[in-house]
C-alpha atoms as a PDB file:
ATOM      1  CA  MET A   1      19.085 113.317 -33.980  1.00  0.00           C
ATOM      2  CA  TYR A   2      21.831 113.897 -36.980  1.00  0.00           C
ATOM      3  CA  LYS A   3      19.146 114.540 -39.503  1.00  0.00           C
ATOM      4  CA  ALA A   4      17.114 116.683 -37.498  1.00  0.00           C
ATOM      5  CA  SER A   5      20.350 118.728 -37.232  1.00  0.00           C
ATOM      6  CA  GLY A   6      20.875 118.574 -40.948  1.00  0.00           C
ATOM      7  CA  HIS A   7      24.630 117.238 -40.211  1.00  0.00           C
ATOM      8  CA  TRP A   8      23.294 114.023 -42.142  1.00  0.00           C
ATOM      9  CA  ASP A   9      22.263 114.871 -45.176  1.00  0.00           C
ATOM     10  CA  LYS A  10      25.165 117.681 -45.449  1.00  0.00           C
ATOM     11  CA  PHE A  11      28.059 115.329 -44.617  1.00  0.00           C
ATOM     12  CA  GLY A  12      26.805 111.628 -44.658  1.00  0.00           C
ATOM     13  CA  ASP A  13      29.344 110.325 -46.808  1.00  0.00           C
ATOM     14  CA  GLU A  14      31.895 111.549 -43.941  1.00  0.00           C
ATOM     15  CA  LEU A  15      30.738 109.669 -41.151  1.00  0.00           C
ATOM     16  CA  PHE A  16      31.584 106.487 -39.902  1.00  0.00           C
ATOM     17  CA  LEU A  17      29.064 104.223 -40.241  1.00  0.00           C
ATOM     18  CA  VAL A  18      28.035 101.597 -37.691  1.00  0.00           C
ATOM     19  CA  LYS A  19      25.412  98.902 -38.228  1.00  0.00           C
ATOM     20  CA  SER A  20      24.187  95.987 -35.759  1.00  0.00           C
ATOM     21  CA  GLN A  21      24.709  92.759 -36.405  1.00  0.00           C
ATOM     22  CA  GLU A  22      21.562  91.919 -34.525  1.00  0.00           C
ATOM     23  CA  THR A  23      18.877  94.628 -35.765  1.00  0.00           C
ATOM     24  CA  SER A  24      18.352  97.072 -38.788  1.00  0.00           C
ATOM     25  CA  ASP A  25      19.921  99.547 -36.516  1.00  0.00           C
ATOM     26  CA  GLU A  26      22.424 101.887 -37.303  1.00  0.00           C
ATOM     27  CA  PHE A  27      24.805 104.440 -35.837  1.00  0.00           C
ATOM     28  CA  VAL A  28      27.437 106.456 -36.274  1.00  0.00           C
ATOM     29  CA  LEU A  29      30.747 107.486 -34.616  1.00  0.00           C
ATOM     30  CA  ARG A  30      30.090 110.682 -33.204  1.00  0.00           C
ATOM     31  CA  PRO A  31      30.920 113.449 -35.773  1.00  0.00           C
ATOM     32  CA  MET A  32      30.669 116.853 -33.907  1.00  0.00           C
ATOM     33  CA  ASN A  33      28.942 117.954 -30.838  1.00  0.00           C
ATOM     34  CA  CYS A  34      26.441 120.146 -31.566  1.00  0.00           C
ATOM     35  CA  PRO A  35      23.512 117.896 -31.229  1.00  0.00           C
ATOM     36  CA  HIS A  36      25.388 117.176 -28.299  1.00  0.00           C
ATOM     37  CA  HIS A  37      24.781 119.843 -26.746  1.00  0.00           C
ATOM     38  CA  VAL A  38      21.222 120.467 -27.989  1.00  0.00           C
ATOM     39  CA  GLN A  39      20.552 117.182 -26.104  1.00  0.00           C
ATOM     40  CA  LEU A  40      21.739 118.637 -22.877  1.00  0.00           C
ATOM     41  CA  PHE A  41      20.130 121.973 -23.170  1.00  0.00           C
ATOM     42  CA  ALA A  42      16.319 120.152 -23.757  1.00  0.00           C
ATOM     43  CA  ALA A  43      17.211 117.697 -21.373  1.00  0.00           C
ATOM     44  CA  GLN A  44      14.902 120.063 -18.717  1.00  0.00           C
ATOM     45  CA  PRO A  45      12.920 122.806 -18.869  1.00  0.00           C
ATOM     46  CA  ARG A  46      14.617 126.298 -19.351  1.00  0.00           C
ATOM     47  CA  SER A  47      13.451 129.417 -17.908  1.00  0.00           C
ATOM     48  CA  TYR A  48      15.335 133.285 -18.551  1.00  0.00           C
ATOM     49  CA  ARG A  49      16.905 132.968 -15.421  1.00  0.00           C
ATOM     50  CA  ASP A  50      18.887 130.334 -16.467  1.00  0.00           C
ATOM     51  CA  ILE A  51      19.986 131.530 -19.883  1.00  0.00           C
ATOM     52  CA  PRO A  52      22.899 131.994 -21.052  1.00  0.00           C
ATOM     53  CA  VAL A  53      23.264 127.578 -20.808  1.00  0.00           C
ATOM     54  CA  LYS A  54      27.380 127.139 -22.035  1.00  0.00           C
ATOM     55  CA  TYR A  55      28.565 123.648 -22.496  1.00  0.00           C
ATOM     56  CA  MET A  56      31.877 122.867 -23.511  1.00  0.00           C
ATOM     57  CA  GLU A  57      34.174 119.946 -23.260  1.00  0.00           C
ATOM     58  CA  ASN A  58      37.633 118.275 -25.058  1.00  0.00           C
ATOM     59  CA  ALA A  59      35.689 115.819 -27.282  1.00  0.00           C
ATOM     60  CA  GLY A  60      36.579 113.269 -29.679  1.00  0.00           C
ATOM     61  CA  ASP A  61      34.862 113.159 -32.661  1.00  0.00           C
ATOM     62  CA  TYR A  62      35.737 111.105 -36.115  1.00  0.00           C
ATOM     63  CA  ARG A  63      34.957 111.544 -39.635  1.00  0.00           C
ATOM     64  CA  ASP A  64      35.683 109.056 -42.689  1.00  0.00           C
ATOM     65  CA  GLU A  65      38.080 110.835 -44.213  1.00  0.00           C
ATOM     66  CA  LYS A  66      39.000 109.531 -48.183  1.00  0.00           C
ATOM     67  CA  THR A  67      42.971 108.264 -47.879  1.00  0.00           C
ATOM     68  CA  GLY A  68      43.734 111.064 -50.249  1.00  0.00           C
ATOM     69  CA  GLU A  69      42.158 113.605 -47.748  1.00  0.00           C
ATOM     70  CA  LEU A  70      44.565 112.596 -44.515  1.00  0.00           C
ATOM     71  CA  HIS A  71      47.399 114.356 -44.267  1.00  0.00           C
ATOM     72  CA  GLY A  72      49.742 114.376 -41.240  1.00  0.00           C
ATOM     73  CA  LEU A  73      48.077 116.603 -38.249  1.00  0.00           C
ATOM     74  CA  SER A  74      46.190 118.413 -40.480  1.00  0.00           C
ATOM     75  CA  ARG A  75      43.894 116.008 -41.599  1.00  0.00           C
ATOM     76  CA  VAL A  76      42.652 112.951 -39.708  1.00  0.00           C
ATOM     77  CA  ARG A  77      39.926 110.602 -38.973  1.00  0.00           C
ATOM     78  CA  SER A  78      40.326 110.778 -35.025  1.00  0.00           C
ATOM     79  CA  PHE A  79      40.495 113.670 -33.744  1.00  0.00           C
ATOM     80  CA  THR A  80      40.059 116.418 -30.259  1.00  0.00           C
ATOM     81  CA  GLN A  81      37.943 119.688 -30.530  1.00  0.00           C
ATOM     82  CA  ASP A  82      37.473 122.126 -27.634  1.00  0.00           C
ATOM     83  CA  ASP A  83      33.688 122.326 -28.220  1.00  0.00           C
ATOM     84  CA  SER A  84      31.391 125.343 -27.351  1.00  0.00           C
ATOM     85  CA  HIS A  85      27.694 126.208 -27.264  1.00  0.00           C
ATOM     86  CA  ALA A  86      26.220 129.126 -25.760  1.00  0.00           C
ATOM     87  CA  PHE A  87      22.176 129.195 -25.839  1.00  0.00           C
ATOM     88  CA  VAL A  88      21.485 132.348 -25.692  1.00  0.00           C
ATOM     89  CA  ALA A  89      18.926 134.823 -25.566  1.00  0.00           C
ATOM     90  CA  ASP A  90      18.819 137.228 -28.449  1.00  0.00           C
ATOM     91  CA  SER A  91      19.843 140.068 -26.453  1.00  0.00           C
ATOM     92  CA  GLN A  92      22.459 138.337 -25.094  1.00  0.00           C
ATOM     93  CA  ILE A  93      24.556 137.165 -28.148  1.00  0.00           C
ATOM     94  CA  LYS A  94      26.897 140.751 -28.610  1.00  0.00           C
ATOM     95  CA  THR A  95      27.733 140.203 -24.913  1.00  0.00           C
ATOM     96  CA  VAL A  96      29.103 136.667 -25.015  1.00  0.00           C
ATOM     97  CA  ALA A  97      30.427 136.447 -28.302  1.00  0.00           C
ATOM     98  CA  THR A  98      32.358 139.390 -27.563  1.00  0.00           C
ATOM     99  CA  GLU A  99      33.482 137.132 -24.536  1.00  0.00           C
ATOM    100  CA  LEU A 100      34.989 134.405 -27.151  1.00  0.00           C
ATOM    101  CA  VAL A 101      36.748 136.838 -28.924  1.00  0.00           C
ATOM    102  CA  GLU A 102      38.607 138.292 -26.014  1.00  0.00           C
ATOM    103  CA  ALA A 103      39.862 135.067 -24.955  1.00  0.00           C
ATOM    104  CA  SER A 104      40.948 134.245 -28.340  1.00  0.00           C
ATOM    105  CA  ARG A 105      42.655 136.692 -28.377  1.00  0.00           C
ATOM    106  CA  GLU A 106      44.248 136.601 -25.176  1.00  0.00           C
ATOM    107  CA  MET A 107      45.117 133.187 -25.609  1.00  0.00           C
ATOM    108  CA  TYR A 108      46.302 133.349 -29.803  1.00  0.00           C
ATOM    109  CA  GLY A 109      48.562 136.766 -27.438  1.00  0.00           C
ATOM    110  CA  VAL A 110      50.429 133.874 -25.543  1.00  0.00           C
ATOM    111  CA  PHE A 111      51.044 131.814 -28.427  1.00  0.00           C
ATOM    112  CA  GLY A 112      52.632 134.884 -30.023  1.00  0.00           C
ATOM    113  CA  MET A 113      50.591 134.675 -33.281  1.00  0.00           C
ATOM    114  CA  GLU A 114      48.919 137.554 -35.159  1.00  0.00           C
ATOM    115  CA  LEU A 115      45.736 137.198 -35.691  1.00  0.00           C
ATOM    116  CA  SER A 116      42.586 138.745 -38.649  1.00  0.00           C
ATOM    117  CA  PHE A 117      39.098 137.728 -38.591  1.00  0.00           C
ATOM    118  CA  ARG A 118      37.323 136.330 -42.041  1.00  0.00           C
ATOM    119  CA  LEU A 119      33.302 137.386 -41.523  1.00  0.00           C
ATOM    120  CA  SER A 120      32.222 134.255 -43.202  1.00  0.00           C
ATOM    121  CA  PHE A 121      28.589 134.415 -44.957  1.00  0.00           C
ATOM    122  CA  ARG A 122      26.672 132.673 -47.162  1.00  0.00           C
ATOM    123  CA  ASP A 123      25.979 133.209 -51.117  1.00  0.00           C
ATOM    124  CA  ASP A 124      23.255 132.704 -53.204  1.00  0.00           C
ATOM    125  CA  GLY A 125      24.352 128.896 -53.329  1.00  0.00           C
ATOM    126  CA  GLU A 126      22.002 126.101 -52.352  1.00  0.00           C
ATOM    127  CA  GLY A 127      23.163 123.791 -49.352  1.00  0.00           C
ATOM    128  CA  TYR A 128      21.659 126.936 -46.300  1.00  0.00           C
ATOM    129  CA  LEU A 129      19.535 126.093 -43.842  1.00  0.00           C
ATOM    130  CA  GLY A 130      17.038 128.384 -42.745  1.00  0.00           C
ATOM    131  CA  ASP A 131      14.876 130.843 -43.590  1.00  0.00           C
ATOM    132  CA  PRO A 132      17.399 134.128 -45.055  1.00  0.00           C
ATOM    133  CA  VAL A 133      15.823 136.420 -42.597  1.00  0.00           C
ATOM    134  CA  LEU A 134      17.602 135.160 -39.997  1.00  0.00           C
ATOM    135  CA  TRP A 135      20.482 134.788 -42.287  1.00  0.00           C
ATOM    136  CA  GLU A 136      20.264 138.123 -43.253  1.00  0.00           C
ATOM    137  CA  LYS A 137      19.942 138.905 -39.467  1.00  0.00           C
ATOM    138  CA  ALA A 138      22.817 137.096 -37.530  1.00  0.00           C
ATOM    139  CA  GLN A 139      25.189 138.416 -40.759  1.00  0.00           C
ATOM    140  CA  VAL A 140      24.010 142.143 -39.696  1.00  0.00           C
ATOM    141  CA  GLN A 141      24.856 141.200 -35.782  1.00  0.00           C
ATOM    142  CA  ILE A 142      28.188 139.283 -37.103  1.00  0.00           C
ATOM    143  CA  GLU A 143      29.502 143.214 -38.935  1.00  0.00           C
ATOM    144  CA  GLU A 144      27.713 144.731 -36.272  1.00  0.00           C
ATOM    145  CA  LEU A 145      30.471 142.699 -33.307  1.00  0.00           C
ATOM    146  CA  ALA A 146      33.182 143.009 -35.612  1.00  0.00           C
ATOM    147  CA  LYS A 147      33.273 146.443 -35.879  1.00  0.00           C
ATOM    148  CA  GLU A 148      32.644 147.120 -32.138  1.00  0.00           C
ATOM    149  CA  ASN A 149      35.456 145.154 -30.930  1.00  0.00           C
ATOM    150  CA  ASN A 150      37.962 147.196 -33.503  1.00  0.00           C
ATOM    151  CA  LEU A 151      38.497 143.431 -35.592  1.00  0.00           C
ATOM    152  CA  ASP A 152      40.563 143.578 -38.433  1.00  0.00           C
ATOM    153  CA  TYR A 153      38.064 141.754 -40.542  1.00  0.00           C
ATOM    154  CA  TYR A 154      37.603 140.664 -44.634  1.00  0.00           C
ATOM    155  CA  ILE A 155      34.291 139.239 -45.758  1.00  0.00           C
ATOM    156  CA  GLU A 156      33.880 136.341 -47.524  1.00  0.00           C
ATOM    157  CA  GLU A 157      30.947 134.891 -49.449  1.00  0.00           C
ATOM    158  CA  GLY A 158      30.591 131.254 -49.438  1.00  0.00           C
ATOM    159  CA  GLU A 159      31.927 130.454 -46.384  1.00  0.00           C
ATOM    160  CA  ALA A 160      29.151 129.997 -43.771  1.00  0.00           C
ATOM    161  CA  ALA A 161      28.767 127.170 -42.363  1.00  0.00           C
ATOM    162  CA  PHE A 162      25.220 125.842 -43.277  1.00  0.00           C
ATOM    163  CA  TYR A 163      23.197 126.552 -40.401  1.00  0.00           C
ATOM    164  CA  GLY A 164      24.733 130.088 -39.558  1.00  0.00           C
ATOM    165  CA  PRO A 165      27.567 132.979 -40.222  1.00  0.00           C
ATOM    166  CA  LYS A 166      30.752 132.857 -38.676  1.00  0.00           C
ATOM    167  CA  ILE A 167      33.658 134.739 -37.471  1.00  0.00           C
ATOM    168  CA  ASP A 168      36.565 132.873 -38.359  1.00  0.00           C
ATOM    169  CA  PHE A 169      40.184 133.342 -37.014  1.00  0.00           C
ATOM    170  CA  MET A 170      42.946 133.692 -39.406  1.00  0.00           C
ATOM    171  CA  ALA A 171      46.472 132.955 -37.685  1.00  0.00           C
ATOM    172  CA  THR A 172      50.014 134.527 -39.098  1.00  0.00           C
ATOM    173  CA  ASP A 173      52.510 131.737 -38.803  1.00  0.00           C
ATOM    174  CA  ALA A 174      56.184 132.756 -38.632  1.00  0.00           C
ATOM    175  CA  ILE A 175      56.800 132.759 -42.534  1.00  0.00           C
ATOM    176  CA  GLY A 176      53.799 134.394 -43.020  1.00  0.00           C
ATOM    177  CA  ARG A 177      51.209 132.152 -43.874  1.00  0.00           C
ATOM    178  CA  LYS A 178      47.492 132.256 -42.707  1.00  0.00           C
ATOM    179  CA  TRP A 179      45.502 129.725 -40.992  1.00  0.00           C
ATOM    180  CA  GLN A 180      42.151 129.191 -39.948  1.00  0.00           C
ATOM    181  CA  VAL A 181      41.950 128.511 -35.749  1.00  0.00           C
ATOM    182  CA  ALA A 182      39.027 129.384 -33.996  1.00  0.00           C
ATOM    183  CA  THR A 183      35.709 130.176 -34.920  1.00  0.00           C
ATOM    184  CA  VAL A 184      32.564 131.746 -33.347  1.00  0.00           C
ATOM    185  CA  GLN A 185      29.345 130.884 -34.837  1.00  0.00           C
ATOM    186  CA  LEU A 186      25.663 132.494 -34.877  1.00  0.00           C
ATOM    187  CA  ASP A 187      23.066 129.974 -35.351  1.00  0.00           C
ATOM    188  CA  PHE A 188      19.223 130.501 -35.692  1.00  0.00           C
ATOM    189  CA  VAL A 189      18.764 127.160 -37.199  1.00  0.00           C
ATOM    190  CA  GLN A 190      19.283 124.066 -35.279  1.00  0.00           C
ATOM    191  CA  PRO A 191      17.554 125.361 -32.312  1.00  0.00           C
ATOM    192  CA  GLU A 192      14.548 126.244 -34.440  1.00  0.00           C
ATOM    193  CA  ARG A 193      14.906 122.117 -36.210  1.00  0.00           C
ATOM    194  CA  PHE A 194      15.159 120.886 -32.495  1.00  0.00           C
ATOM    195  CA  GLY A 195      12.387 123.107 -30.843  1.00  0.00           C
ATOM    196  CA  LEU A 196      14.056 124.191 -28.272  1.00  0.00           C
ATOM    197  CA  GLU A 197      12.870 126.562 -25.885  1.00  0.00           C
ATOM    198  CA  TYR A 198      12.875 128.556 -22.699  1.00  0.00           C
ATOM    199  CA  THR A 199      10.228 130.614 -20.612  1.00  0.00           C
ATOM    200  CA  GLY A 200      10.771 133.923 -20.828  1.00  0.00           C
ATOM    201  CA  GLU A 201      10.022 136.480 -18.059  1.00  0.00           C
ATOM    202  CA  ALA A 202       6.468 137.169 -19.228  1.00  0.00           C
ATOM    203  CA  GLY A 203       5.919 133.589 -19.350  1.00  0.00           C
ATOM    204  CA  THR A 204       5.571 132.732 -22.436  1.00  0.00           C
ATOM    205  CA  PRO A 205       8.315 130.704 -24.955  1.00  0.00           C
ATOM    206  CA  GLN A 206      11.230 131.746 -26.077  1.00  0.00           C
ATOM    207  CA  ARG A 207      13.584 130.494 -28.991  1.00  0.00           C
ATOM    208  CA  PRO A 208      16.779 130.637 -27.846  1.00  0.00           C
ATOM    209  CA  VAL A 209      20.184 131.246 -30.162  1.00  0.00           C
ATOM    210  CA  MET A 210      22.556 128.951 -30.205  1.00  0.00           C
ATOM    211  CA  ILE A 211      27.034 130.499 -30.137  1.00  0.00           C
ATOM    212  CA  HIS A 212      29.355 127.425 -31.734  1.00  0.00           C
ATOM    213  CA  CYS A 213      32.646 128.173 -30.162  1.00  0.00           C
ATOM    214  CA  ALA A 214      35.906 126.431 -30.702  1.00  0.00           C
ATOM    215  CA  LEU A 215      39.551 127.903 -29.617  1.00  0.00           C
ATOM    216  CA  LEU A 216      41.897 125.896 -30.956  1.00  0.00           C
ATOM    217  CA  GLY A 217      39.415 123.920 -33.516  1.00  0.00           C
ATOM    218  CA  SER A 218      40.850 120.261 -34.005  1.00  0.00           C
ATOM    219  CA  ILE A 219      43.520 120.186 -31.636  1.00  0.00           C
ATOM    220  CA  GLU A 220      45.333 117.854 -33.779  1.00  0.00           C
ATOM    221  CA  ARG A 221      45.403 120.418 -36.952  1.00  0.00           C
ATOM    222  CA  PHE A 222      46.292 123.282 -34.290  1.00  0.00           C
ATOM    223  CA  LEU A 223      49.262 121.819 -33.256  1.00  0.00           C
ATOM    224  CA  SER A 224      50.496 121.054 -36.919  1.00  0.00           C
ATOM    225  CA  VAL A 225      50.134 124.762 -37.232  1.00  0.00           C
ATOM    226  CA  TYR A 226      51.935 125.825 -34.457  1.00  0.00           C
ATOM    227  CA  ILE A 227      55.278 123.098 -34.799  1.00  0.00           C
ATOM    228  CA  GLU A 228      55.380 125.215 -38.297  1.00  0.00           C
ATOM    229  CA  HIS A 229      55.107 128.373 -36.196  1.00  0.00           C
ATOM    230  CA  THR A 230      57.768 127.905 -34.184  1.00  0.00           C
ATOM    231  CA  ALA A 231      59.421 125.665 -36.177  1.00  0.00           C
ATOM    232  CA  GLY A 232      59.495 122.954 -33.103  1.00  0.00           C
ATOM    233  CA  LYS A 233      61.083 125.327 -30.801  1.00  0.00           C
ATOM    234  CA  PHE A 234      58.374 125.541 -28.304  1.00  0.00           C
ATOM    235  CA  PRO A 235      58.096 128.973 -25.832  1.00  0.00           C
ATOM    236  CA  VAL A 236      59.736 127.413 -22.224  1.00  0.00           C
ATOM    237  CA  TRP A 237      56.585 126.815 -21.320  1.00  0.00           C
ATOM    238  CA  CYS A 238      55.014 124.666 -23.457  1.00  0.00           C
ATOM    239  CA  ALA A 239      57.867 122.882 -24.443  1.00  0.00           C
ATOM    240  CA  PRO A 240      57.730 118.948 -23.835  1.00  0.00           C
ATOM    241  CA  GLU A 241      60.859 118.908 -22.183  1.00  0.00           C
ATOM    242  CA  GLN A 242      62.267 121.867 -20.765  1.00  0.00           C
ATOM    243  CA  ILE A 243      65.371 120.937 -19.218  1.00  0.00           C
ATOM    244  CA  ARG A 244      67.963 118.286 -20.381  1.00  0.00           C
ATOM    245  CA  ILE A 245      71.238 117.560 -17.757  1.00  0.00           C
ATOM    246  CA  LEU A 246      74.114 116.485 -19.569  1.00  0.00           C
ATOM    247  CA  SER A 247      76.909 114.089 -17.555  1.00  0.00           C
ATOM    248  CA  VAL A 248      80.837 115.316 -19.079  1.00  0.00           C
ATOM    249  CA  ASN A 249      81.810 111.582 -17.404  1.00  0.00           C
ATOM    250  CA  GLN A 250      79.758 108.258 -16.076  1.00  0.00           C
ATOM    251  CA  GLU A 251      81.712 108.501 -12.667  1.00  0.00           C
ATOM    252  CA  ASP A 252      79.061 107.408  -9.750  1.00  0.00           C
ATOM    253  CA  SER A 253      79.243 110.887  -7.683  1.00  0.00           C
ATOM    254  CA  THR A 254      78.418 112.632 -11.375  1.00  0.00           C
ATOM    255  CA  VAL A 255      75.712 110.483 -12.574  1.00  0.00           C
ATOM    256  CA  SER A 256      74.184 110.847  -8.841  1.00  0.00           C
ATOM    257  CA  PHE A 257      74.509 114.549  -8.719  1.00  0.00           C
ATOM    258  CA  VAL A 258      72.606 114.582 -12.143  1.00  0.00           C
ATOM    259  CA  GLU A 259      69.961 112.748 -10.920  1.00  0.00           C
ATOM    260  CA  ASN A 260      69.547 114.442  -7.913  1.00  0.00           C
ATOM    261  CA  LEU A 261      69.618 117.574  -9.994  1.00  0.00           C
ATOM    262  CA  GLN A 262      67.024 115.898 -12.286  1.00  0.00           C
ATOM    263  CA  GLU A 263      64.389 115.116  -8.838  1.00  0.00           C
ATOM    264  CA  GLN A 264      65.337 118.739  -7.641  1.00  0.00           C
ATOM    265  CA  GLY A 265      63.676 120.269 -11.424  1.00  0.00           C
ATOM    266  CA  LYS A 266      60.599 117.600 -11.247  1.00  0.00           C
ATOM    267  CA  ALA A 267      60.021 118.966  -7.457  1.00  0.00           C
ATOM    268  CA  LEU A 268      59.935 122.159  -9.045  1.00  0.00           C
ATOM    269  CA  GLY A 269      57.245 120.993 -11.633  1.00  0.00           C
ATOM    270  CA  LEU A 270      59.979 121.184 -14.176  1.00  0.00           C
ATOM    271  CA  ARG A 271      59.825 118.311 -17.269  1.00  0.00           C
ATOM    272  CA  VAL A 272      63.814 117.569 -16.481  1.00  0.00           C
ATOM    273  CA  THR A 273      65.435 114.551 -18.172  1.00  0.00           C
ATOM    274  CA  THR A 274      68.786 113.829 -18.186  1.00  0.00           C
ATOM    275  CA  ASP A 275      71.650 112.408 -20.388  1.00  0.00           C
ATOM    276  CA  ASN A 276      74.135 110.027 -19.113  1.00  0.00           C
ATOM    277  CA  SER A 277      75.050 108.080 -21.979  1.00  0.00           C
ATOM    278  CA  ASN A 278      78.736 107.228 -23.085  1.00  0.00           C
ATOM    279  CA  GLU A 279      78.699 109.963 -25.462  1.00  0.00           C
ATOM    280  CA  SER A 280      81.146 113.203 -25.649  1.00  0.00           C
ATOM    281  CA  VAL A 281      79.585 116.677 -24.546  1.00  0.00           C
ATOM    282  CA  GLY A 282      79.507 118.175 -27.978  1.00  0.00           C
ATOM    283  CA  LYS A 283      77.438 114.825 -29.327  1.00  0.00           C
ATOM    284  CA  LYS A 284      75.333 115.193 -26.350  1.00  0.00           C
ATOM    285  CA  ILE A 285      74.851 118.553 -26.518  1.00  0.00           C
ATOM    286  CA  ARG A 286      74.353 118.407 -30.425  1.00  0.00           C
ATOM    287  CA  ALA A 287      70.883 116.155 -29.668  1.00  0.00           C
ATOM    288  CA  ALA A 288      69.801 118.835 -27.075  1.00  0.00           C
ATOM    289  CA  GLU A 289      70.124 120.929 -29.861  1.00  0.00           C
ATOM    290  CA  MET A 290      68.177 118.881 -32.150  1.00  0.00           C
ATOM    291  CA  TRP A 291      65.449 118.239 -30.215  1.00  0.00           C
ATOM    292  CA  LYS A 292      64.967 122.390 -29.587  1.00  0.00           C
ATOM    293  CA  VAL A 293      65.614 121.506 -25.506  1.00  0.00           C
ATOM    294  CA  PRO A 294      65.445 124.873 -24.235  1.00  0.00           C
ATOM    295  CA  TYR A 295      68.078 124.944 -21.233  1.00  0.00           C
ATOM    296  CA  VAL A 296      71.174 122.197 -21.374  1.00  0.00           C
ATOM    297  CA  ILE A 297      72.517 122.196 -18.101  1.00  0.00           C
ATOM    298  CA  VAL A 298      76.244 120.573 -18.332  1.00  0.00           C
ATOM    299  CA  VAL A 299      77.598 118.928 -15.249  1.00  0.00           C
ATOM    300  CA  GLY A 300      81.060 117.997 -14.707  1.00  0.00           C
ATOM    301  CA  GLU A 301      83.602 117.520 -11.973  1.00  0.00           C
ATOM    302  CA  LYS A 302      83.845 120.909 -11.155  1.00  0.00           C
ATOM    303  CA  GLU A 303      80.246 121.355 -10.779  1.00  0.00           C
ATOM    304  CA  VAL A 304      79.933 117.970  -8.543  1.00  0.00           C
ATOM    305  CA  GLY A 305      83.327 119.247  -6.257  1.00  0.00           C
ATOM    306  CA  ALA A 306      81.086 122.574  -5.845  1.00  0.00           C
ATOM    307  CA  GLY A 307      77.881 121.151  -5.385  1.00  0.00           C
ATOM    308  CA  ASN A 308      75.856 123.332  -7.674  1.00  0.00           C
END
């Protein structure tokens, strides 16, 4: 399967090999999701009424990265992708790709990250698969899509995937650095190599086009970018700890009041913790600030007596 897709020849050195002790069978841990979604599409006959067919999963993938290449969350051997593949007719390319561009803009707007767009095209080098005519067609469609969606884009030759051109979403973090995050990729090659077909309106076989998309990409890598972007101070909606309740003393009435407040917060769906340790209030507040907890509630005798 990976030989048919071209990944074996292109990325053979990065694959985790698994060999049987009983037979000569050789396998790899899943390095990417495209060929697997191809198999889902090919598992049953398709007609133009089914198109577009869309698959998406949060998938665990593995790459045998070299020791010197590993770097925190940015470059890991086991990672999770929010990976999707749409199998579309030629006439549906712009509609489906536009949906993905709009989804990415909305999502990165929530994260407060400014986006620019890199159109990653092929150069004259080796290593690209497929008919150059199809490549040219795909690159023209990618640029038309960028113009119609008023994207702030630039073209970078030599950055294309080996099977097709792509739109790379470049996020700017809080200190001005650019990171490649989401991507939308147009692929005429893999449907050809796998012989994918659907029955058109006239009853003749038609070849779909694949649109690859990952909005976050590697979720681990995205987290490394977002942690840098926020300096670890997440907005309340995604902070792992939203509220910390501190007790001024360790009196039973105070501790009981704090624990009751925590239960009320949890019942509302909030992520609430308590600090009833035998430390000064100042130290407890500083600890909460170091952990960048958005809200801190301090409870003492006055609050217990007032009941609020």
